[in-house]
């Protein structure tokens, strides 16, 4: 949403940006996703942010192809198990 040459952040924009990660991760319900996509279709600043986030995620995905060493993975999984089981 813009006023003059300066983008304005509305409550709708703040909500869209807050849910953007969930949208990109495919974690939103149908109704929420549809509302967010409708907002993105009408709001250039939010669409630009989505495009940036998608590009950034793709860059990270392509650049992070190395796997953690087996001993590090085992330690992390052990610590996660301790957290979950208490």
C-alpha atoms as a PDB file:
ATOM      1  CA  UNK A   1       0.000   0.000   0.000  1.00  0.00           C
ATOM      2  CA  UNK A   2       1.450   3.337  -1.013  1.00  0.00           C
ATOM      3  CA  UNK A   3       0.830   6.952  -0.241  1.00  0.00           C
ATOM      4  CA  UNK A   4       2.676   9.223  -2.649  1.00  0.00           C
ATOM      5  CA  UNK A   5       6.146   7.798  -3.257  1.00  0.00           C
ATOM      6  CA  UNK A   6       6.514   6.240   0.192  1.00  0.00           C
ATOM      7  CA  UNK A   7       5.222   2.722   0.938  1.00  0.00           C
ATOM      8  CA  UNK A   8       2.933   2.553   3.952  1.00  0.00           C
ATOM      9  CA  UNK A   9       2.701  -0.529   6.113  1.00  0.00           C
ATOM     10  CA  UNK A  10      -0.921  -1.250   6.996  1.00  0.00           C
ATOM     11  CA  UNK A  11      -2.169  -3.757   9.532  1.00  0.00           C
ATOM     12  CA  UNK A  12      -2.965  -6.027   6.599  1.00  0.00           C
ATOM     13  CA  UNK A  13       0.642  -5.727   5.380  1.00  0.00           C
ATOM     14  CA  UNK A  14       2.030  -6.472   8.830  1.00  0.00           C
ATOM     15  CA  UNK A  15      -0.152  -9.569   9.049  1.00  0.00           C
ATOM     16  CA  UNK A  16       0.860 -10.680   5.541  1.00  0.00           C
ATOM     17  CA  UNK A  17       4.548 -10.292   6.324  1.00  0.00           C
ATOM     18  CA  UNK A  18       4.123 -12.114   9.637  1.00  0.00           C
ATOM     19  CA  UNK A  19       2.588 -15.094   7.812  1.00  0.00           C
ATOM     20  CA  UNK A  20       4.888 -15.012   4.803  1.00  0.00           C
ATOM     21  CA  UNK A  21       7.211 -17.743   6.080  1.00  0.00           C
ATOM     22  CA  UNK A  22       4.286 -20.057   6.737  1.00  0.00           C
ATOM     23  CA  UNK A  23       2.977 -19.376   3.228  1.00  0.00           C
ATOM     24  CA  UNK A  24       6.323 -20.217   1.655  1.00  0.00           C
ATOM     25  CA  UNK A  25       6.551 -23.356   3.788  1.00  0.00           C
ATOM     26  CA  UNK A  26       3.056 -24.482   2.745  1.00  0.00           C
ATOM     27  CA  UNK A  27       1.818 -24.357   6.352  1.00  0.00           C
ATOM     28  CA  UNK A  28      -1.299 -22.200   5.962  1.00  0.00           C
ATOM     29  CA  UNK A  29      -4.874 -23.390   5.733  1.00  0.00           C
ATOM     30  CA  UNK A  30      -6.793 -22.803   2.511  1.00  0.00           C
ATOM     31  CA  UNK A  31      -8.712 -19.750   3.718  1.00  0.00           C
ATOM     32  CA  UNK A  32      -5.687 -18.016   5.255  1.00  0.00           C
ATOM     33  CA  UNK A  33      -3.565 -18.803   2.213  1.00  0.00           C
ATOM     34  CA  UNK A  34      -6.227 -17.417  -0.135  1.00  0.00           C
ATOM     35  CA  UNK A  35      -6.496 -14.188   1.896  1.00  0.00           C
ATOM     36  CA  UNK A  36      -2.736 -13.758   1.912  1.00  0.00           C
ATOM     37  CA  UNK A  37      -2.432 -14.443  -1.814  1.00  0.00           C
ATOM     38  CA  UNK A  38      -5.220 -11.938  -2.468  1.00  0.00           C
ATOM     39  CA  UNK A  39      -3.316  -9.304  -0.474  1.00  0.00           C
ATOM     40  CA  UNK A  40      -0.082 -10.102  -2.308  1.00  0.00           C
ATOM     41  CA  UNK A  41      -1.847  -9.700  -5.659  1.00  0.00           C
ATOM     42  CA  UNK A  42      -2.828  -6.134  -4.683  1.00  0.00           C
ATOM     43  CA  UNK A  43       0.223  -4.993  -2.684  1.00  0.00           C
ATOM     44  CA  UNK A  44       3.473  -4.393  -4.536  1.00  0.00           C
ATOM     45  CA  UNK A  45       5.701  -3.912  -1.445  1.00  0.00           C
ATOM     46  CA  UNK A  46       4.509  -7.187   0.086  1.00  0.00           C
ATOM     47  CA  UNK A  47       4.876  -8.969  -3.265  1.00  0.00           C
ATOM     48  CA  UNK A  48       8.447  -7.664  -3.526  1.00  0.00           C
ATOM     49  CA  UNK A  49       9.173  -8.996  -0.037  1.00  0.00           C
ATOM     50  CA  UNK A  50       7.727 -12.401  -0.969  1.00  0.00           C
ATOM     51  CA  UNK A  51       9.844 -12.491  -4.112  1.00  0.00           C
ATOM     52  CA  UNK A  52      12.940 -11.609  -2.088  1.00  0.00           C
ATOM     53  CA  UNK A  53      12.195 -14.312   0.478  1.00  0.00           C
ATOM     54  CA  UNK A  54      11.626 -16.921  -2.238  1.00  0.00           C
ATOM     55  CA  UNK A  55      14.894 -15.970  -3.923  1.00  0.00           C
ATOM     56  CA  UNK A  56      16.785 -16.011  -0.640  1.00  0.00           C
ATOM     57  CA  UNK A  57      15.417 -19.441   0.270  1.00  0.00           C
ATOM     58  CA  UNK A  58      16.402 -20.788  -3.138  1.00  0.00           C
ATOM     59  CA  UNK A  59      19.913 -19.367  -2.775  1.00  0.00           C
ATOM     60  CA  UNK A  60      20.297 -21.000   0.643  1.00  0.00           C
ATOM     61  CA  UNK A  61      18.852 -24.273  -0.644  1.00  0.00           C
ATOM     62  CA  UNK A  62      21.358 -24.393  -3.514  1.00  0.00           C
ATOM     63  CA  UNK A  63      24.288 -23.358  -1.329  1.00  0.00           C
ATOM     64  CA  UNK A  64      23.628 -25.709   1.575  1.00  0.00           C
ATOM     65  CA  UNK A  65      24.254 -29.094   0.049  1.00  0.00           C
ATOM     66  CA  UNK A  66      26.813 -30.356   2.561  1.00  0.00           C
ATOM     67  CA  UNK A  67      25.667 -32.759   5.241  1.00  0.00           C
ATOM     68  CA  UNK A  68      26.762 -32.557   8.843  1.00  0.00           C
ATOM     69  CA  UNK A  69      29.375 -35.118   9.882  1.00  0.00           C
ATOM     70  CA  UNK A  70      27.811 -38.270  11.388  1.00  0.00           C
ATOM     71  CA  UNK A  71      29.119 -37.570  14.916  1.00  0.00           C
ATOM     72  CA  UNK A  72      27.663 -34.046  14.891  1.00  0.00           C
ATOM     73  CA  UNK A  73      24.308 -35.347  13.638  1.00  0.00           C
ATOM     74  CA  UNK A  74      24.294 -37.971  16.410  1.00  0.00           C
ATOM     75  CA  UNK A  75      25.019 -35.347  19.099  1.00  0.00           C
ATOM     76  CA  UNK A  76      22.301 -33.029  17.799  1.00  0.00           C
ATOM     77  CA  UNK A  77      19.737 -35.827  17.606  1.00  0.00           C
ATOM     78  CA  UNK A  78      20.684 -36.946  21.132  1.00  0.00           C
ATOM     79  CA  UNK A  79      20.242 -33.409  22.490  1.00  0.00           C
ATOM     80  CA  UNK A  80      16.917 -33.027  20.704  1.00  0.00           C
ATOM     81  CA  UNK A  81      15.770 -36.341  22.154  1.00  0.00           C
ATOM     82  CA  UNK A  82      16.712 -35.128  25.656  1.00  0.00           C
ATOM     83  CA  UNK A  83      14.732 -31.934  25.141  1.00  0.00           C
ATOM     84  CA  UNK A  84      11.667 -33.815  23.903  1.00  0.00           C
ATOM     85  CA  UNK A  85      11.716 -36.530  26.564  1.00  0.00           C
ATOM     86  CA  UNK A  86      12.765 -34.229  29.368  1.00  0.00           C
END
